[in-house]
Amino acid sequence: MPIYVYETIDTSKPIRRFEMKQSMNDEPLRVDPETGEAVRRVISGGYGVHVAGGSTGPSVGSVGSHGCGPSCGC
């Protein structure tokens, strides 16, 4: 399941961000489950890998070159 980033939207307070593991089929949260504050989902660039030339294996440097760690395999 993907991990989504949410942020509070009350402009009278400092913005607070948190992560929530959710199914892709779940509706976005409207409130923080812990505080009840109104929130919105943050859209980010994400991470993707493109392999050219029909190779099915990872390219040099792709494993471990991101935050998941060397045993990730994504």
PDB file of N, CA and C in Angstrom:
ATOM      1  N   MET A   1       0.842  -1.184   0.000  1.00  0.00           N
ATOM      2  CA  MET A   1       0.000   0.000   0.000  1.00  0.00           C
ATOM      3  C   MET A   1       0.885   1.243   0.000  1.00  0.00           C
ATOM      4  N   PRO A   2       0.485   2.257  -0.740  1.00  0.00           N
ATOM      5  CA  PRO A   2       1.279   3.485  -0.775  1.00  0.00           C
ATOM      6  C   PRO A   2       1.147   4.287   0.519  1.00  0.00           C
ATOM      7  N   ILE A   3       2.133   5.121   0.748  1.00  0.00           N
ATOM      8  CA  ILE A   3       2.120   6.035   1.886  1.00  0.00           C
ATOM      9  C   ILE A   3       1.876   7.431   1.333  1.00  0.00           C
ATOM     10  N   TYR A   4       0.816   8.072   1.811  1.00  0.00           N
ATOM     11  CA  TYR A   4       0.457   9.409   1.354  1.00  0.00           C
ATOM     12  C   TYR A   4       0.866  10.435   2.395  1.00  0.00           C
ATOM     13  N   VAL A   5       1.211  11.642   1.925  1.00  0.00           N
ATOM     14  CA  VAL A   5       1.555  12.753   2.802  1.00  0.00           C
ATOM     15  C   VAL A   5       0.353  13.683   2.859  1.00  0.00           C
ATOM     16  N   TYR A   6       0.005  14.095   4.065  1.00  0.00           N
ATOM     17  CA  TYR A   6      -1.078  15.046   4.287  1.00  0.00           C
ATOM     18  C   TYR A   6      -0.527  16.244   5.029  1.00  0.00           C
ATOM     19  N   GLU A   7      -1.203  17.408   4.867  1.00  0.00           N
ATOM     20  CA  GLU A   7      -0.824  18.589   5.621  1.00  0.00           C
ATOM     21  C   GLU A   7      -2.071  19.301   6.109  1.00  0.00           C
ATOM     22  N   THR A   8      -1.925  19.979   7.250  1.00  0.00           N
ATOM     23  CA  THR A   8      -3.038  20.747   7.797  1.00  0.00           C
ATOM     24  C   THR A   8      -3.275  21.968   6.924  1.00  0.00           C
ATOM     25  N   ILE A   9      -4.521  22.450   6.908  1.00  0.00           N
ATOM     26  CA  ILE A   9      -4.846  23.575   6.024  1.00  0.00           C
ATOM     27  C   ILE A   9      -5.322  24.817   6.780  1.00  0.00           C
ATOM     28  N   ASP A  10      -5.290  24.790   8.106  1.00  0.00           N
ATOM     29  CA  ASP A  10      -5.669  25.955   8.907  1.00  0.00           C
ATOM     30  C   ASP A  10      -4.544  26.981   8.818  1.00  0.00           C
ATOM     31  N   THR A  11      -4.814  28.107   8.145  1.00  0.00           N
ATOM     32  CA  THR A  11      -3.769  29.114   7.916  1.00  0.00           C
ATOM     33  C   THR A  11      -3.411  29.904   9.173  1.00  0.00           C
ATOM     34  N   SER A  12      -4.193  29.771  10.240  1.00  0.00           N
ATOM     35  CA  SER A  12      -3.874  30.496  11.471  1.00  0.00           C
ATOM     36  C   SER A  12      -2.845  29.747  12.324  1.00  0.00           C
ATOM     37  N   LYS A  13      -2.483  28.527  11.909  1.00  0.00           N
ATOM     38  CA  LYS A  13      -1.511  27.715  12.646  1.00  0.00           C
ATOM     39  C   LYS A  13      -0.382  27.305  11.706  1.00  0.00           C
ATOM     40  N   PRO A  14       0.783  26.947  12.258  1.00  0.00           N
ATOM     41  CA  PRO A  14       1.858  26.422  11.397  1.00  0.00           C
ATOM     42  C   PRO A  14       1.400  25.134  10.701  1.00  0.00           C
ATOM     43  N   ILE A  15       1.827  24.957   9.451  1.00  0.00           N
ATOM     44  CA  ILE A  15       1.482  23.749   8.694  1.00  0.00           C
ATOM     45  C   ILE A  15       2.178  22.555   9.334  1.00  0.00           C
ATOM     46  N   ARG A  16       1.433  21.486   9.506  1.00  0.00           N
ATOM     47  CA  ARG A  16       1.985  20.245  10.045  1.00  0.00           C
ATOM     48  C   ARG A  16       1.731  19.149   9.032  1.00  0.00           C
ATOM     49  N   ARG A  17       2.763  18.376   8.711  1.00  0.00           N
ATOM     50  CA  ARG A  17       2.638  17.270   7.752  1.00  0.00           C
ATOM     51  C   ARG A  17       2.764  15.938   8.472  1.00  0.00           C
ATOM     52  N   PHE A  18       2.063  14.930   7.935  1.00  0.00           N
ATOM     53  CA  PHE A  18       2.174  13.572   8.458  1.00  0.00           C
ATOM     54  C   PHE A  18       1.931  12.596   7.325  1.00  0.00           C
ATOM     55  N   GLU A  19       2.341  11.363   7.532  1.00  0.00           N
ATOM     56  CA  GLU A  19       2.182  10.316   6.518  1.00  0.00           C
ATOM     57  C   GLU A  19       1.124   9.321   6.965  1.00  0.00           C
ATOM     58  N   MET A  20       0.399   8.754   5.982  1.00  0.00           N
ATOM     59  CA  MET A  20      -0.634   7.768   6.272  1.00  0.00           C
ATOM     60  C   MET A  20      -0.579   6.675   5.216  1.00  0.00           C
ATOM     61  N   LYS A  21      -0.466   5.440   5.648  1.00  0.00           N
ATOM     62  CA  LYS A  21      -0.477   4.296   4.736  1.00  0.00           C
ATOM     63  C   LYS A  21      -1.938   3.976   4.421  1.00  0.00           C
ATOM     64  N   GLN A  22      -2.294   4.029   3.128  1.00  0.00           N
ATOM     65  CA  GLN A  22      -3.670   3.814   2.700  1.00  0.00           C
ATOM     66  C   GLN A  22      -3.697   3.032   1.401  1.00  0.00           C
ATOM     67  N   SER A  23      -4.806   2.364   1.157  1.00  0.00           N
ATOM     68  CA  SER A  23      -5.032   1.713  -0.128  1.00  0.00           C
ATOM     69  C   SER A  23      -5.243   2.789  -1.187  1.00  0.00           C
ATOM     70  N   MET A  24      -4.892   2.484  -2.426  1.00  0.00           N
ATOM     71  CA  MET A  24      -5.127   3.433  -3.516  1.00  0.00           C
ATOM     72  C   MET A  24      -6.620   3.659  -3.727  1.00  0.00           C
ATOM     73  N   ASN A  25      -7.455   2.734  -3.256  1.00  0.00           N
ATOM     74  CA  ASN A  25      -8.900   2.861  -3.411  1.00  0.00           C
ATOM     75  C   ASN A  25      -9.551   3.678  -2.302  1.00  0.00           C
ATOM     76  N   ASP A  26      -8.815   3.970  -1.222  1.00  0.00           N
ATOM     77  CA  ASP A  26      -9.365   4.756  -0.115  1.00  0.00           C
ATOM     78  C   ASP A  26      -9.550   6.211  -0.528  1.00  0.00           C
ATOM     79  N   GLU A  27     -10.598   6.822  -0.015  1.00  0.00           N
ATOM     80  CA  GLU A  27     -10.798   8.256  -0.221  1.00  0.00           C
ATOM     81  C   GLU A  27      -9.722   9.012   0.559  1.00  0.00           C
ATOM     82  N   PRO A  28      -9.273  10.163   0.046  1.00  0.00           N
ATOM     83  CA  PRO A  28      -8.308  10.965   0.802  1.00  0.00           C
ATOM     84  C   PRO A  28      -8.903  11.391   2.148  1.00  0.00           C
ATOM     85  N   LEU A  29      -8.045  11.486   3.157  1.00  0.00           N
ATOM     86  CA  LEU A  29      -8.498  11.963   4.462  1.00  0.00           C
ATOM     87  C   LEU A  29      -8.939  13.409   4.356  1.00  0.00           C
ATOM     88  N   ARG A  30      -9.911  13.777   5.147  1.00  0.00           N
ATOM     89  CA  ARG A  30     -10.350  15.171   5.230  1.00  0.00           C
ATOM     90  C   ARG A  30      -9.947  15.784   6.578  1.00  0.00           C
ATOM     91  N   VAL A  31      -9.747  14.921   7.568  1.00  0.00           N
ATOM     92  CA  VAL A  31      -9.307  15.374   8.890  1.00  0.00           C
ATOM     93  C   VAL A  31      -8.208  14.450   9.397  1.00  0.00           C
ATOM     94  N   ASP A  32      -7.333  15.003  10.233  1.00  0.00           N
ATOM     95  CA  ASP A  32      -6.278  14.222  10.874  1.00  0.00           C
ATOM     96  C   ASP A  32      -6.944  13.295  11.892  1.00  0.00           C
ATOM     97  N   PRO A  33      -6.732  11.980  11.791  1.00  0.00           N
ATOM     98  CA  PRO A  33      -7.381  11.058  12.721  1.00  0.00           C
ATOM     99  C   PRO A  33      -6.974  11.269  14.183  1.00  0.00           C
ATOM    100  N   GLU A  34      -5.807  11.867  14.423  1.00  0.00           N
ATOM    101  CA  GLU A  34      -5.345  12.085  15.797  1.00  0.00           C
ATOM    102  C   GLU A  34      -5.850  13.386  16.398  1.00  0.00           C
ATOM    103  N   THR A  35      -5.923  14.451  15.584  1.00  0.00           N
ATOM    104  CA  THR A  35      -6.258  15.773  16.130  1.00  0.00           C
ATOM    105  C   THR A  35      -7.613  16.300  15.677  1.00  0.00           C
ATOM    106  N   GLY A  36      -8.152  15.765  14.590  1.00  0.00           N
ATOM    107  CA  GLY A  36      -9.418  16.270  14.056  1.00  0.00           C
ATOM    108  C   GLY A  36      -9.265  17.514  13.194  1.00  0.00           C
ATOM    109  N   GLU A  37      -8.020  17.981  13.003  1.00  0.00           N
ATOM    110  CA  GLU A  37      -7.792  19.164  12.168  1.00  0.00           C
ATOM    111  C   GLU A  37      -8.047  18.841  10.698  1.00  0.00           C
ATOM    112  N   ALA A  38      -8.527  19.823   9.942  1.00  0.00           N
ATOM    113  CA  ALA A  38      -8.743  19.651   8.505  1.00  0.00           C
ATOM    114  C   ALA A  38      -7.398  19.480   7.805  1.00  0.00           C
ATOM    115  N   VAL A  39      -7.346  18.533   6.848  1.00  0.00           N
ATOM    116  CA  VAL A  39      -6.107  18.250   6.119  1.00  0.00           C
ATOM    117  C   VAL A  39      -6.387  18.069   4.634  1.00  0.00           C
ATOM    118  N   ARG A  40      -5.322  18.134   3.848  1.00  0.00           N
ATOM    119  CA  ARG A  40      -5.389  17.826   2.416  1.00  0.00           C
ATOM    120  C   ARG A  40      -4.202  16.942   2.071  1.00  0.00           C
ATOM    121  N   ARG A  41      -4.381  16.138   1.015  1.00  0.00           N
ATOM    122  CA  ARG A  41      -3.304  15.263   0.555  1.00  0.00           C
ATOM    123  C   ARG A  41      -2.319  16.093  -0.253  1.00  0.00           C
ATOM    124  N   VAL A  42      -1.043  15.882  -0.021  1.00  0.00           N
ATOM    125  CA  VAL A  42       0.018  16.590  -0.735  1.00  0.00           C
ATOM    126  C   VAL A  42       0.396  15.759  -1.957  1.00  0.00           C
ATOM    127  N   ILE A  43       0.392  16.384  -3.117  1.00  0.00           N
ATOM    128  CA  ILE A  43       0.793  15.719  -4.355  1.00  0.00           C
ATOM    129  C   ILE A  43       2.269  16.027  -4.588  1.00  0.00           C
ATOM    130  N   SER A  44       3.068  14.973  -4.720  1.00  0.00           N
ATOM    131  CA  SER A  44       4.499  15.167  -4.943  1.00  0.00           C
ATOM    132  C   SER A  44       4.918  14.473  -6.224  1.00  0.00           C
ATOM    133  N   GLY A  45       6.158  14.675  -6.615  1.00  0.00           N
ATOM    134  CA  GLY A  45       6.671  14.097  -7.851  1.00  0.00           C
ATOM    135  C   GLY A  45       6.810  12.593  -7.812  1.00  0.00           C
ATOM    136  N   GLY A  46       6.998  12.020  -6.634  1.00  0.00           N
ATOM    137  CA  GLY A  46       7.131  10.574  -6.525  1.00  0.00           C
ATOM    138  C   GLY A  46       8.486  10.095  -7.012  1.00  0.00           C
ATOM    139  N   TYR A  47       8.574   8.797  -7.270  1.00  0.00           N
ATOM    140  CA  TYR A  47       9.827   8.193  -7.702  1.00  0.00           C
ATOM    141  C   TYR A  47       9.505   7.164  -8.764  1.00  0.00           C
ATOM    142  N   GLY A  48      10.190   7.219  -9.862  1.00  0.00           N
ATOM    143  CA  GLY A  48       9.947   6.259 -10.934  1.00  0.00           C
ATOM    144  C   GLY A  48      11.244   5.827 -11.578  1.00  0.00           C
ATOM    145  N   VAL A  49      11.206   4.688 -12.232  1.00  0.00           N
ATOM    146  CA  VAL A  49      12.384   4.158 -12.911  1.00  0.00           C
ATOM    147  C   VAL A  49      11.995   3.824 -14.337  1.00  0.00           C
ATOM    148  N   HIS A  50      12.793   4.276 -15.296  1.00  0.00           N
ATOM    149  CA  HIS A  50      12.573   3.958 -16.703  1.00  0.00           C
ATOM    150  C   HIS A  50      13.786   3.194 -17.196  1.00  0.00           C
ATOM    151  N   VAL A  51      13.563   2.013 -17.742  1.00  0.00           N
ATOM    152  CA  VAL A  51      14.657   1.194 -18.259  1.00  0.00           C
ATOM    153  C   VAL A  51      14.538   1.166 -19.772  1.00  0.00           C
ATOM    154  N   ALA A  52      15.530   1.701 -20.466  1.00  0.00           N
ATOM    155  CA  ALA A  52      15.524   1.729 -21.928  1.00  0.00           C
ATOM    156  C   ALA A  52      16.209   0.483 -22.477  1.00  0.00           C
ATOM    157  N   GLY A  53      15.883   0.102 -23.688  1.00  0.00           N
ATOM    158  CA  GLY A  53      16.565  -0.992 -24.355  1.00  0.00           C
ATOM    159  C   GLY A  53      16.017  -2.367 -24.044  1.00  0.00           C
ATOM    160  N   GLY A  54      14.883  -2.448 -23.395  1.00  0.00           N
ATOM    161  CA  GLY A  54      14.245  -3.734 -23.159  1.00  0.00           C
ATOM    162  C   GLY A  54      14.837  -4.556 -22.039  1.00  0.00           C
ATOM    163  N   SER A  55      15.758  -4.017 -21.266  1.00  0.00           N
ATOM    164  CA  SER A  55      16.350  -4.757 -20.158  1.00  0.00           C
ATOM    165  C   SER A  55      15.310  -4.986 -19.072  1.00  0.00           C
ATOM    166  N   THR A  56      15.317  -6.171 -18.478  1.00  0.00           N
ATOM    167  CA  THR A  56      14.388  -6.448 -17.391  1.00  0.00           C
ATOM    168  C   THR A  56      15.035  -6.299 -16.029  1.00  0.00           C
ATOM    169  N   GLY A  57      16.336  -6.129 -15.979  1.00  0.00           N
ATOM    170  CA  GLY A  57      17.041  -5.990 -14.709  1.00  0.00           C
ATOM    171  C   GLY A  57      17.199  -4.532 -14.335  1.00  0.00           C
ATOM    172  N   PRO A  58      17.588  -4.279 -13.089  1.00  0.00           N
ATOM    173  CA  PRO A  58      17.787  -2.897 -12.660  1.00  0.00           C
ATOM    174  C   PRO A  58      19.016  -2.294 -13.322  1.00  0.00           C
ATOM    175  N   SER A  59      18.978  -1.000 -13.559  1.00  0.00           N
ATOM    176  CA  SER A  59      20.131  -0.324 -14.138  1.00  0.00           C
ATOM    177  C   SER A  59      21.179  -0.105 -13.056  1.00  0.00           C
ATOM    178  N   VAL A  60      22.396   0.147 -13.454  1.00  0.00           N
ATOM    179  CA  VAL A  60      23.495   0.340 -12.518  1.00  0.00           C
ATOM    180  C   VAL A  60      23.176   1.520 -11.619  1.00  0.00           C
ATOM    181  N   GLY A  61      23.285   1.318 -10.329  1.00  0.00           N
ATOM    182  CA  GLY A  61      23.066   2.394  -9.370  1.00  0.00           C
ATOM    183  C   GLY A  61      21.616   2.608  -8.992  1.00  0.00           C
ATOM    184  N   SER A  62      20.680   1.853  -9.549  1.00  0.00           N
ATOM    185  CA  SER A  62      19.283   2.121  -9.222  1.00  0.00           C
ATOM    186  C   SER A  62      18.889   1.571  -7.861  1.00  0.00           C
ATOM    187  N   VAL A  63      19.393   0.412  -7.473  1.00  0.00           N
ATOM    188  CA  VAL A  63      19.055  -0.154  -6.176  1.00  0.00           C
ATOM    189  C   VAL A  63      19.901   0.534  -5.120  1.00  0.00           C
ATOM    190  N   GLY A  64      19.249   1.028  -4.096  1.00  0.00           N
ATOM    191  CA  GLY A  64      19.961   1.693  -3.015  1.00  0.00           C
ATOM    192  C   GLY A  64      20.253   3.152  -3.279  1.00  0.00           C
ATOM    193  N   SER A  65      19.859   3.688  -4.419  1.00  0.00           N
ATOM    194  CA  SER A  65      20.140   5.092  -4.707  1.00  0.00           C
ATOM    195  C   SER A  65      18.986   5.988  -4.285  1.00  0.00           C
ATOM    196  N   HIS A  66      18.052   5.438  -3.529  1.00  0.00           N
ATOM    197  CA  HIS A  66      16.918   6.208  -3.028  1.00  0.00           C
ATOM    198  C   HIS A  66      16.704   5.845  -1.562  1.00  0.00           C
ATOM    199  N   GLY A  67      15.665   6.336  -0.944  1.00  0.00           N
ATOM    200  CA  GLY A  67      15.455   6.186   0.486  1.00  0.00           C
ATOM    201  C   GLY A  67      15.078   4.809   0.979  1.00  0.00           C
ATOM    202  N   CYS A  68      14.735   3.879   0.107  1.00  0.00           N
ATOM    203  CA  CYS A  68      14.284   2.556   0.558  1.00  0.00           C
ATOM    204  C   CYS A  68      15.413   1.701   1.113  1.00  0.00           C
ATOM    205  N   GLY A  69      16.611   1.846   0.632  1.00  0.00           N
ATOM    206  CA  GLY A  69      17.737   1.050   1.096  1.00  0.00           C
ATOM    207  C   GLY A  69      18.158   0.003   0.091  1.00  0.00           C
ATOM    208  N   PRO A  70      19.311  -0.614   0.306  1.00  0.00           N
ATOM    209  CA  PRO A  70      19.874  -1.532  -0.685  1.00  0.00           C
ATOM    210  C   PRO A  70      19.098  -2.829  -0.862  1.00  0.00           C
ATOM    211  N   SER A  71      18.298  -3.254   0.103  1.00  0.00           N
ATOM    212  CA  SER A  71      17.561  -4.511  -0.035  1.00  0.00           C
ATOM    213  C   SER A  71      16.143  -4.311  -0.549  1.00  0.00           C
ATOM    214  N   CYS A  72      15.788  -3.096  -0.940  1.00  0.00           N
ATOM    215  CA  CYS A  72      14.419  -2.773  -1.353  1.00  0.00           C
ATOM    216  C   CYS A  72      13.998  -3.503  -2.615  1.00  0.00           C
ATOM    217  N   GLY A  73      14.707  -3.311  -3.707  1.00  0.00           N
ATOM    218  CA  GLY A  73      14.370  -3.946  -4.973  1.00  0.00           C
ATOM    219  C   GLY A  73      13.298  -3.238  -5.774  1.00  0.00           C
ATOM    220  N   CYS A  74      12.834  -2.073  -5.331  1.00  0.00           N
ATOM    221  CA  CYS A  74      11.800  -1.381  -6.108  1.00  0.00           C
ATOM    222  C   CYS A  74      12.387  -0.564  -7.233  1.00  0.00           C
TER     223      CYS A  74
END
